[in-house]
Protein backbone atom coordinates (compact mmCIF):
# COMPACT_ATOMS: atom_id res chain seq x y z
CA UNK A 1 0.00 0.00 0.00
CA UNK A 2 1.39 3.38 -1.02
CA UNK A 3 1.74 6.23 1.44
CA UNK A 4 0.79 9.77 0.58
CA UNK A 5 4.47 10.76 0.50
CA UNK A 6 5.20 7.96 -2.01
CA UNK A 7 2.28 9.10 -4.16
CA UNK A 8 3.67 12.66 -4.07
CA UNK A 9 7.05 11.42 -5.26
CA UNK A 10 5.39 9.45 -8.07
CA UNK A 11 3.51 12.57 -9.28
CA UNK A 12 5.90 15.51 -8.72
CA UNK A 13 4.27 17.58 -11.47
CA UNK A 14 0.86 17.60 -9.74
CA UNK A 15 -0.60 18.86 -6.51
CA UNK A 16 -1.76 15.92 -4.39
CA UNK A 17 -5.11 16.16 -2.59
CA UNK A 18 -6.46 13.66 -0.07
CA UNK A 19 -10.15 12.81 -0.43
CA UNK A 20 -12.30 10.46 1.64
CA UNK A 21 -15.18 8.53 0.07
CA UNK A 22 -18.10 6.68 1.60
CA UNK A 23 -21.79 6.01 1.12
CA UNK A 24 -24.73 6.33 3.48
CA UNK A 25 -28.24 4.92 3.35
CA UNK A 26 -31.02 7.42 3.95
CA UNK A 27 -34.66 6.46 4.20
CA UNK A 28 -38.11 6.68 5.67
CA UNK A 29 -37.04 4.75 8.77
CA UNK A 30 -35.02 7.80 9.74
CA UNK A 31 -32.85 8.57 12.71
CA UNK A 32 -34.24 9.68 16.04
CA UNK A 33 -32.08 12.37 17.57
CA UNK A 34 -32.01 14.36 20.77
CA UNK A 35 -34.09 17.48 21.04
CA UNK A 36 -34.76 20.10 23.67
CA UNK A 37 -37.81 19.56 25.89
CA UNK A 38 -39.08 20.65 29.25
CA UNK A 39 -37.60 18.56 32.07
CA UNK A 40 -39.85 15.63 32.92
CA UNK A 41 -41.75 15.80 29.62
CA UNK A 42 -41.53 13.33 26.79
CA UNK A 43 -41.02 15.09 23.45
CA UNK A 44 -42.96 13.68 20.50
CA UNK A 45 -41.03 11.97 17.70
CA UNK A 46 -42.33 10.63 14.41
CA UNK A 47 -41.74 7.09 13.23
CA UNK A 48 -42.72 5.72 9.83
CA UNK A 49 -43.69 2.19 8.94
CA UNK A 50 -42.85 2.50 5.21
CA UNK A 51 -39.36 1.61 4.14
CA UNK A 52 -38.17 3.38 1.01
CA UNK A 53 -34.52 4.41 1.00
CA UNK A 54 -31.73 5.68 -1.21
CA UNK A 55 -27.96 5.91 -1.03
CA UNK A 56 -25.96 9.09 -0.80
CA UNK A 57 -22.51 8.47 -2.24
CA UNK A 58 -20.01 11.17 -1.41
CA UNK A 59 -16.39 12.20 -1.27
CA UNK A 60 -14.86 15.08 0.66
CA UNK A 61 -11.51 16.82 0.72
CA UNK A 62 -11.11 18.05 4.33
CA UNK A 63 -8.26 20.40 3.34
CA UNK A 64 -10.20 22.33 0.68
CA UNK A 65 -13.76 21.74 1.90
CA UNK A 66 -14.83 20.39 -1.49
CA UNK A 67 -17.53 17.73 -1.66
CA UNK A 68 -18.85 15.64 -4.54
CA UNK A 69 -22.03 13.59 -4.21
CA UNK A 70 -24.38 11.29 -6.08
CA UNK A 71 -27.79 9.87 -5.12
CA UNK A 72 -28.81 6.37 -6.15
CA UNK A 73 -31.62 3.91 -5.32
CA UNK A 74 -28.99 1.16 -4.90
CA UNK A 75 -25.23 0.73 -4.64
CA UNK A 76 -22.99 -1.59 -6.64
CA UNK A 77 -19.88 -1.45 -8.82
CA UNK A 78 -21.75 0.09 -11.76
CA UNK A 79 -23.09 2.94 -9.60
CA UNK A 80 -19.64 3.41 -8.07
CA UNK A 81 -18.18 3.79 -11.56
CA UNK A 82 -20.78 6.45 -12.38
CA UNK A 83 -19.76 8.27 -9.20
CA UNK A 84 -16.04 7.99 -10.04
CA UNK A 85 -16.69 9.35 -13.54
CA UNK A 86 -18.58 12.30 -12.07
CA UNK A 87 -15.82 12.79 -9.49
CA UNK A 88 -13.15 12.91 -12.23
CA UNK A 89 -15.08 15.71 -13.96
CA UNK A 90 -15.34 17.74 -10.73
CA UNK A 91 -11.69 17.60 -9.69
CA UNK A 92 -9.03 19.88 -11.16
CA UNK A 93 -7.07 17.95 -13.86
CA UNK A 94 -3.80 19.34 -12.44
CA UNK A 95 -4.47 17.54 -9.16
CA UNK A 96 -3.62 13.94 -8.35
CA UNK A 97 -6.21 12.57 -5.94
CA UNK A 98 -5.52 10.13 -3.13
CA UNK A 99 -8.93 8.51 -2.59
CA UNK A 100 -9.23 6.88 0.81
CA UNK A 101 -12.17 4.52 1.18
CA UNK A 102 -13.29 1.41 3.01
CA UNK A 103 -13.05 -2.10 1.63
CA UNK A 104 -16.69 -2.58 0.62
CA UNK A 105 -17.17 -5.24 -2.06
CA UNK A 106 -17.82 -2.76 -4.84
CA UNK A 107 -14.63 -0.84 -3.92
CA UNK A 108 -12.48 -3.94 -4.33
CA UNK A 109 -14.18 -5.13 -7.52
CA UNK A 110 -11.99 -5.71 -10.58
CA UNK A 111 -14.57 -3.73 -12.60
CA UNK A 112 -13.87 -0.44 -10.77
CA UNK A 113 -12.72 2.17 -13.30
CA UNK A 114 -10.36 4.72 -11.79
CA UNK A 115 -9.20 7.86 -13.54
CA UNK A 116 -5.41 7.95 -14.10
CA UNK A 117 -5.20 10.89 -11.69
CA UNK A 118 -6.66 8.87 -8.78
CA UNK A 119 -4.78 6.53 -6.46
CA UNK A 120 -6.81 4.50 -3.97
CA UNK A 121 -5.65 3.90 -0.42
CA UNK A 122 -7.96 1.46 1.40
CA UNK A 123 -8.82 1.95 5.05
CA UNK A 124 -8.19 -0.96 7.41
CA UNK A 125 -11.25 -3.23 7.77
CA UNK A 126 -13.92 -2.12 10.25
CA UNK A 127 -12.47 1.34 10.89
CA UNK A 128 -15.15 3.94 10.08
CA UNK A 129 -13.69 6.21 12.76
CA UNK A 130 -10.75 6.86 10.40
CA UNK A 131 -13.04 8.16 7.64
CA UNK A 132 -13.99 11.83 8.23
CA UNK A 133 -16.95 11.66 5.84
CA UNK A 134 -18.67 9.54 8.51
CA UNK A 135 -18.87 12.79 10.51
CA UNK A 136 -20.65 14.40 7.57
CA UNK A 137 -23.25 11.60 7.49
CA UNK A 138 -23.82 12.07 11.23
CA UNK A 139 -24.14 15.83 10.74
CA UNK A 140 -26.66 15.45 7.89
CA UNK A 141 -28.71 12.90 9.82
CA UNK A 142 -28.83 15.01 12.98
CA UNK A 143 -29.30 18.44 11.35
CA UNK A 144 -31.31 17.69 8.25
CA UNK A 145 -32.75 14.18 7.94
CA UNK A 146 -33.88 13.14 11.43
CA UNK A 147 -37.28 13.32 13.12
CA UNK A 148 -39.08 13.82 9.81
CA UNK A 149 -41.69 11.95 7.78
CA UNK A 150 -41.15 11.41 4.05
CA UNK A 151 -44.29 10.67 2.08
CA UNK A 152 -42.62 8.73 -0.73
CA UNK A 153 -39.39 8.15 -2.64
CA UNK A 154 -39.63 11.54 -4.38
CA UNK A 155 -39.82 13.28 -0.99
CA UNK A 156 -36.73 11.32 0.15
CA UNK A 157 -34.88 12.31 -3.00
CA UNK A 158 -35.78 15.98 -2.54
CA UNK A 159 -34.74 15.93 1.14
CA UNK A 160 -31.42 14.27 0.29
CA UNK A 161 -30.70 16.80 -2.48
CA UNK A 162 -31.73 19.75 -0.33
CA UNK A 163 -29.62 18.55 2.60
CA UNK A 164 -26.57 17.98 0.40
CA UNK A 165 -26.89 21.39 -1.28
CA UNK A 166 -27.57 23.24 1.96
CA UNK A 167 -24.63 21.78 3.89
CA UNK A 168 -22.12 20.04 1.61
CA UNK A 169 -21.63 22.88 -0.85
CA UNK A 170 -20.30 25.05 1.99
CA UNK A 171 -16.52 24.52 2.11
CA UNK A 172 -16.25 26.04 5.60
CA UNK A 173 -18.76 23.54 6.99
CA UNK A 174 -17.18 20.56 5.20
CA UNK A 175 -13.71 21.57 6.47
CA UNK A 176 -15.05 21.90 10.02
CA UNK A 177 -17.17 18.73 10.14
CA UNK A 178 -14.67 16.57 8.23
CA UNK A 179 -11.55 17.83 9.96
CA UNK A 180 -9.15 14.92 10.35
CA UNK A 181 -6.49 15.87 12.93
CA UNK A 182 -4.26 13.00 11.85
CA UNK A 183 -3.98 14.60 8.39
CA UNK A 184 -2.30 17.65 9.89
CA UNK A 185 0.81 15.69 10.72
CA UNK A 186 3.65 16.47 8.32
CA UNK A 187 4.00 12.90 7.01
CA UNK A 188 0.50 12.79 5.53
CA UNK A 189 -0.43 16.44 5.04
CA UNK A 190 -2.09 17.01 1.68
C-alpha atoms as a PDB file:
ATOM      1  CA  UNK A   1       0.000   0.000   0.000  1.00  0.00           C
ATOM      2  CA  UNK A   2       1.388   3.377  -1.020  1.00  0.00           C
ATOM      3  CA  UNK A   3       1.737   6.226   1.439  1.00  0.00           C
ATOM      4  CA  UNK A   4       0.795   9.773   0.576  1.00  0.00           C
ATOM      5  CA  UNK A   5       4.472  10.758   0.497  1.00  0.00           C
ATOM      6  CA  UNK A   6       5.197   7.960  -2.012  1.00  0.00           C
ATOM      7  CA  UNK A   7       2.281   9.104  -4.163  1.00  0.00           C
ATOM      8  CA  UNK A   8       3.669  12.661  -4.069  1.00  0.00           C
ATOM      9  CA  UNK A   9       7.054  11.424  -5.263  1.00  0.00           C
ATOM     10  CA  UNK A  10       5.386   9.446  -8.074  1.00  0.00           C
ATOM     11  CA  UNK A  11       3.510  12.570  -9.276  1.00  0.00           C
ATOM     12  CA  UNK A  12       5.900  15.505  -8.716  1.00  0.00           C
ATOM     13  CA  UNK A  13       4.265  17.579 -11.466  1.00  0.00           C
ATOM     14  CA  UNK A  14       0.859  17.597  -9.736  1.00  0.00           C
ATOM     15  CA  UNK A  15      -0.602  18.861  -6.512  1.00  0.00           C
ATOM     16  CA  UNK A  16      -1.758  15.920  -4.385  1.00  0.00           C
ATOM     17  CA  UNK A  17      -5.112  16.157  -2.591  1.00  0.00           C
ATOM     18  CA  UNK A  18      -6.461  13.662  -0.068  1.00  0.00           C
ATOM     19  CA  UNK A  19     -10.152  12.807  -0.433  1.00  0.00           C
ATOM     20  CA  UNK A  20     -12.297  10.457   1.643  1.00  0.00           C
ATOM     21  CA  UNK A  21     -15.175   8.529   0.072  1.00  0.00           C
ATOM     22  CA  UNK A  22     -18.104   6.678   1.604  1.00  0.00           C
ATOM     23  CA  UNK A  23     -21.787   6.013   1.117  1.00  0.00           C
ATOM     24  CA  UNK A  24     -24.733   6.326   3.483  1.00  0.00           C
ATOM     25  CA  UNK A  25     -28.240   4.917   3.354  1.00  0.00           C
ATOM     26  CA  UNK A  26     -31.018   7.422   3.954  1.00  0.00           C
ATOM     27  CA  UNK A  27     -34.658   6.462   4.198  1.00  0.00           C
ATOM     28  CA  UNK A  28     -38.105   6.681   5.668  1.00  0.00           C
ATOM     29  CA  UNK A  29     -37.042   4.748   8.767  1.00  0.00           C
ATOM     30  CA  UNK A  30     -35.015   7.800   9.741  1.00  0.00           C
ATOM     31  CA  UNK A  31     -32.853   8.568  12.713  1.00  0.00           C
ATOM     32  CA  UNK A  32     -34.243   9.685  16.044  1.00  0.00           C
ATOM     33  CA  UNK A  33     -32.077  12.373  17.571  1.00  0.00           C
ATOM     34  CA  UNK A  34     -32.008  14.356  20.767  1.00  0.00           C
ATOM     35  CA  UNK A  35     -34.091  17.477  21.042  1.00  0.00           C
ATOM     36  CA  UNK A  36     -34.765  20.103  23.666  1.00  0.00           C
ATOM     37  CA  UNK A  37     -37.810  19.564  25.885  1.00  0.00           C
ATOM     38  CA  UNK A  38     -39.076  20.653  29.251  1.00  0.00           C
ATOM     39  CA  UNK A  39     -37.602  18.560  32.072  1.00  0.00           C
ATOM     40  CA  UNK A  40     -39.854  15.634  32.924  1.00  0.00           C
ATOM     41  CA  UNK A  41     -41.746  15.803  29.619  1.00  0.00           C
ATOM     42  CA  UNK A  42     -41.526  13.326  26.792  1.00  0.00           C
ATOM     43  CA  UNK A  43     -41.023  15.094  23.449  1.00  0.00           C
ATOM     44  CA  UNK A  44     -42.955  13.679  20.499  1.00  0.00           C
ATOM     45  CA  UNK A  45     -41.035  11.973  17.701  1.00  0.00           C
ATOM     46  CA  UNK A  46     -42.327  10.634  14.415  1.00  0.00           C
ATOM     47  CA  UNK A  47     -41.742   7.088  13.228  1.00  0.00           C
ATOM     48  CA  UNK A  48     -42.722   5.724   9.830  1.00  0.00           C
ATOM     49  CA  UNK A  49     -43.691   2.188   8.936  1.00  0.00           C
ATOM     50  CA  UNK A  50     -42.846   2.498   5.212  1.00  0.00           C
ATOM     51  CA  UNK A  51     -39.355   1.609   4.140  1.00  0.00           C
ATOM     52  CA  UNK A  52     -38.169   3.378   1.014  1.00  0.00           C
ATOM     53  CA  UNK A  53     -34.524   4.411   1.003  1.00  0.00           C
ATOM     54  CA  UNK A  54     -31.735   5.678  -1.206  1.00  0.00           C
ATOM     55  CA  UNK A  55     -27.960   5.908  -1.032  1.00  0.00           C
ATOM     56  CA  UNK A  56     -25.955   9.094  -0.804  1.00  0.00           C
ATOM     57  CA  UNK A  57     -22.505   8.471  -2.239  1.00  0.00           C
ATOM     58  CA  UNK A  58     -20.013  11.169  -1.406  1.00  0.00           C
ATOM     59  CA  UNK A  59     -16.390  12.198  -1.275  1.00  0.00           C
ATOM     60  CA  UNK A  60     -14.860  15.082   0.656  1.00  0.00           C
ATOM     61  CA  UNK A  61     -11.511  16.822   0.723  1.00  0.00           C
ATOM     62  CA  UNK A  62     -11.112  18.048   4.326  1.00  0.00           C
ATOM     63  CA  UNK A  63      -8.264  20.398   3.343  1.00  0.00           C
ATOM     64  CA  UNK A  64     -10.199  22.328   0.678  1.00  0.00           C
ATOM     65  CA  UNK A  65     -13.756  21.742   1.899  1.00  0.00           C
ATOM     66  CA  UNK A  66     -14.829  20.392  -1.487  1.00  0.00           C
ATOM     67  CA  UNK A  67     -17.526  17.729  -1.657  1.00  0.00           C
ATOM     68  CA  UNK A  68     -18.846  15.636  -4.536  1.00  0.00           C
ATOM     69  CA  UNK A  69     -22.032  13.595  -4.213  1.00  0.00           C
ATOM     70  CA  UNK A  70     -24.382  11.292  -6.077  1.00  0.00           C
ATOM     71  CA  UNK A  71     -27.786   9.868  -5.116  1.00  0.00           C
ATOM     72  CA  UNK A  72     -28.811   6.369  -6.151  1.00  0.00           C
ATOM     73  CA  UNK A  73     -31.615   3.915  -5.321  1.00  0.00           C
ATOM     74  CA  UNK A  74     -28.992   1.164  -4.896  1.00  0.00           C
ATOM     75  CA  UNK A  75     -25.235   0.730  -4.640  1.00  0.00           C
ATOM     76  CA  UNK A  76     -22.995  -1.588  -6.642  1.00  0.00           C
ATOM     77  CA  UNK A  77     -19.878  -1.451  -8.823  1.00  0.00           C
ATOM     78  CA  UNK A  78     -21.748   0.087 -11.758  1.00  0.00           C
ATOM     79  CA  UNK A  79     -23.091   2.942  -9.597  1.00  0.00           C
ATOM     80  CA  UNK A  80     -19.644   3.406  -8.068  1.00  0.00           C
ATOM     81  CA  UNK A  81     -18.175   3.785 -11.561  1.00  0.00           C
ATOM     82  CA  UNK A  82     -20.780   6.452 -12.378  1.00  0.00           C
ATOM     83  CA  UNK A  83     -19.761   8.270  -9.196  1.00  0.00           C
ATOM     84  CA  UNK A  84     -16.039   7.995 -10.044  1.00  0.00           C
ATOM     85  CA  UNK A  85     -16.693   9.346 -13.541  1.00  0.00           C
ATOM     86  CA  UNK A  86     -18.584  12.304 -12.067  1.00  0.00           C
ATOM     87  CA  UNK A  87     -15.822  12.795  -9.491  1.00  0.00           C
ATOM     88  CA  UNK A  88     -13.148  12.910 -12.225  1.00  0.00           C
ATOM     89  CA  UNK A  89     -15.077  15.713 -13.956  1.00  0.00           C
ATOM     90  CA  UNK A  90     -15.341  17.741 -10.731  1.00  0.00           C
ATOM     91  CA  UNK A  91     -11.686  17.597  -9.686  1.00  0.00           C
ATOM     92  CA  UNK A  92      -9.028  19.876 -11.160  1.00  0.00           C
ATOM     93  CA  UNK A  93      -7.073  17.954 -13.858  1.00  0.00           C
ATOM     94  CA  UNK A  94      -3.796  19.341 -12.443  1.00  0.00           C
ATOM     95  CA  UNK A  95      -4.469  17.536  -9.159  1.00  0.00           C
ATOM     96  CA  UNK A  96      -3.618  13.941  -8.352  1.00  0.00           C
ATOM     97  CA  UNK A  97      -6.206  12.570  -5.936  1.00  0.00           C
ATOM     98  CA  UNK A  98      -5.523  10.134  -3.135  1.00  0.00           C
ATOM     99  CA  UNK A  99      -8.926   8.509  -2.591  1.00  0.00           C
ATOM    100  CA  UNK A 100      -9.226   6.880   0.815  1.00  0.00           C
ATOM    101  CA  UNK A 101     -12.169   4.525   1.178  1.00  0.00           C
ATOM    102  CA  UNK A 102     -13.292   1.407   3.013  1.00  0.00           C
ATOM    103  CA  UNK A 103     -13.053  -2.098   1.626  1.00  0.00           C
ATOM    104  CA  UNK A 104     -16.687  -2.584   0.615  1.00  0.00           C
ATOM    105  CA  UNK A 105     -17.171  -5.241  -2.055  1.00  0.00           C
ATOM    106  CA  UNK A 106     -17.824  -2.761  -4.844  1.00  0.00           C
ATOM    107  CA  UNK A 107     -14.633  -0.845  -3.923  1.00  0.00           C
ATOM    108  CA  UNK A 108     -12.478  -3.937  -4.331  1.00  0.00           C
ATOM    109  CA  UNK A 109     -14.176  -5.133  -7.524  1.00  0.00           C
ATOM    110  CA  UNK A 110     -11.990  -5.712 -10.578  1.00  0.00           C
ATOM    111  CA  UNK A 111     -14.566  -3.734 -12.605  1.00  0.00           C
ATOM    112  CA  UNK A 112     -13.866  -0.440 -10.767  1.00  0.00           C
ATOM    113  CA  UNK A 113     -12.719   2.166 -13.302  1.00  0.00           C
ATOM    114  CA  UNK A 114     -10.363   4.719 -11.795  1.00  0.00           C
ATOM    115  CA  UNK A 115      -9.199   7.860 -13.539  1.00  0.00           C
ATOM    116  CA  UNK A 116      -5.414   7.949 -14.100  1.00  0.00           C
ATOM    117  CA  UNK A 117      -5.197  10.888 -11.691  1.00  0.00           C
ATOM    118  CA  UNK A 118      -6.663   8.874  -8.778  1.00  0.00           C
ATOM    119  CA  UNK A 119      -4.777   6.529  -6.465  1.00  0.00           C
ATOM    120  CA  UNK A 120      -6.811   4.503  -3.973  1.00  0.00           C
ATOM    121  CA  UNK A 121      -5.653   3.897  -0.418  1.00  0.00           C
ATOM    122  CA  UNK A 122      -7.964   1.458   1.405  1.00  0.00           C
ATOM    123  CA  UNK A 123      -8.820   1.951   5.047  1.00  0.00           C
ATOM    124  CA  UNK A 124      -8.194  -0.956   7.407  1.00  0.00           C
ATOM    125  CA  UNK A 125     -11.246  -3.228   7.774  1.00  0.00           C
ATOM    126  CA  UNK A 126     -13.920  -2.119  10.254  1.00  0.00           C
ATOM    127  CA  UNK A 127     -12.471   1.336  10.892  1.00  0.00           C
ATOM    128  CA  UNK A 128     -15.152   3.935  10.077  1.00  0.00           C
ATOM    129  CA  UNK A 129     -13.688   6.215  12.764  1.00  0.00           C
ATOM    130  CA  UNK A 130     -10.754   6.861  10.396  1.00  0.00           C
ATOM    131  CA  UNK A 131     -13.039   8.158   7.637  1.00  0.00           C
ATOM    132  CA  UNK A 132     -13.989  11.830   8.230  1.00  0.00           C
ATOM    133  CA  UNK A 133     -16.945  11.658   5.842  1.00  0.00           C
ATOM    134  CA  UNK A 134     -18.667   9.539   8.512  1.00  0.00           C
ATOM    135  CA  UNK A 135     -18.870  12.787  10.513  1.00  0.00           C
ATOM    136  CA  UNK A 136     -20.653  14.396   7.574  1.00  0.00           C
ATOM    137  CA  UNK A 137     -23.248  11.598   7.493  1.00  0.00           C
ATOM    138  CA  UNK A 138     -23.816  12.069  11.229  1.00  0.00           C
ATOM    139  CA  UNK A 139     -24.144  15.833  10.737  1.00  0.00           C
ATOM    140  CA  UNK A 140     -26.663  15.453   7.894  1.00  0.00           C
ATOM    141  CA  UNK A 141     -28.708  12.904   9.824  1.00  0.00           C
ATOM    142  CA  UNK A 142     -28.834  15.006  12.979  1.00  0.00           C
ATOM    143  CA  UNK A 143     -29.304  18.440  11.354  1.00  0.00           C
ATOM    144  CA  UNK A 144     -31.311  17.688   8.254  1.00  0.00           C
ATOM    145  CA  UNK A 145     -32.750  14.185   7.937  1.00  0.00           C
ATOM    146  CA  UNK A 146     -33.878  13.144  11.426  1.00  0.00           C
ATOM    147  CA  UNK A 147     -37.284  13.324  13.122  1.00  0.00           C
ATOM    148  CA  UNK A 148     -39.080  13.818   9.813  1.00  0.00           C
ATOM    149  CA  UNK A 149     -41.687  11.947   7.781  1.00  0.00           C
ATOM    150  CA  UNK A 150     -41.147  11.415   4.054  1.00  0.00           C
ATOM    151  CA  UNK A 151     -44.287  10.674   2.081  1.00  0.00           C
ATOM    152  CA  UNK A 152     -42.622   8.734  -0.733  1.00  0.00           C
ATOM    153  CA  UNK A 153     -39.385   8.148  -2.636  1.00  0.00           C
ATOM    154  CA  UNK A 154     -39.635  11.536  -4.380  1.00  0.00           C
ATOM    155  CA  UNK A 155     -39.815  13.278  -0.987  1.00  0.00           C
ATOM    156  CA  UNK A 156     -36.730  11.325   0.148  1.00  0.00           C
ATOM    157  CA  UNK A 157     -34.885  12.313  -3.005  1.00  0.00           C
ATOM    158  CA  UNK A 158     -35.783  15.977  -2.541  1.00  0.00           C
ATOM    159  CA  UNK A 159     -34.745  15.929   1.139  1.00  0.00           C
ATOM    160  CA  UNK A 160     -31.421  14.267   0.294  1.00  0.00           C
ATOM    161  CA  UNK A 161     -30.703  16.795  -2.483  1.00  0.00           C
ATOM    162  CA  UNK A 162     -31.732  19.747  -0.330  1.00  0.00           C
ATOM    163  CA  UNK A 163     -29.619  18.550   2.598  1.00  0.00           C
ATOM    164  CA  UNK A 164     -26.572  17.984   0.397  1.00  0.00           C
ATOM    165  CA  UNK A 165     -26.894  21.389  -1.279  1.00  0.00           C
ATOM    166  CA  UNK A 166     -27.566  23.237   1.963  1.00  0.00           C
ATOM    167  CA  UNK A 167     -24.625  21.782   3.888  1.00  0.00           C
ATOM    168  CA  UNK A 168     -22.125  20.044   1.612  1.00  0.00           C
ATOM    169  CA  UNK A 169     -21.634  22.878  -0.851  1.00  0.00           C
ATOM    170  CA  UNK A 170     -20.301  25.045   1.992  1.00  0.00           C
ATOM    171  CA  UNK A 171     -16.515  24.517   2.112  1.00  0.00           C
ATOM    172  CA  UNK A 172     -16.250  26.043   5.600  1.00  0.00           C
ATOM    173  CA  UNK A 173     -18.755  23.541   6.992  1.00  0.00           C
ATOM    174  CA  UNK A 174     -17.177  20.562   5.195  1.00  0.00           C
ATOM    175  CA  UNK A 175     -13.714  21.574   6.474  1.00  0.00           C
ATOM    176  CA  UNK A 176     -15.053  21.902  10.016  1.00  0.00           C
ATOM    177  CA  UNK A 177     -17.167  18.731  10.135  1.00  0.00           C
ATOM    178  CA  UNK A 178     -14.674  16.566   8.232  1.00  0.00           C
ATOM    179  CA  UNK A 179     -11.551  17.830   9.959  1.00  0.00           C
ATOM    180  CA  UNK A 180      -9.150  14.924  10.351  1.00  0.00           C
ATOM    181  CA  UNK A 181      -6.494  15.875  12.926  1.00  0.00           C
ATOM    182  CA  UNK A 182      -4.261  13.000  11.853  1.00  0.00           C
ATOM    183  CA  UNK A 183      -3.980  14.597   8.386  1.00  0.00           C
ATOM    184  CA  UNK A 184      -2.302  17.648   9.893  1.00  0.00           C
ATOM    185  CA  UNK A 185       0.814  15.687  10.724  1.00  0.00           C
ATOM    186  CA  UNK A 186       3.646  16.467   8.315  1.00  0.00           C
ATOM    187  CA  UNK A 187       4.004  12.900   7.007  1.00  0.00           C
ATOM    188  CA  UNK A 188       0.503  12.788   5.530  1.00  0.00           C
ATOM    189  CA  UNK A 189      -0.428  16.435   5.043  1.00  0.00           C
ATOM    190  CA  UNK A 190      -2.088  17.015   1.681  1.00  0.00           C
END
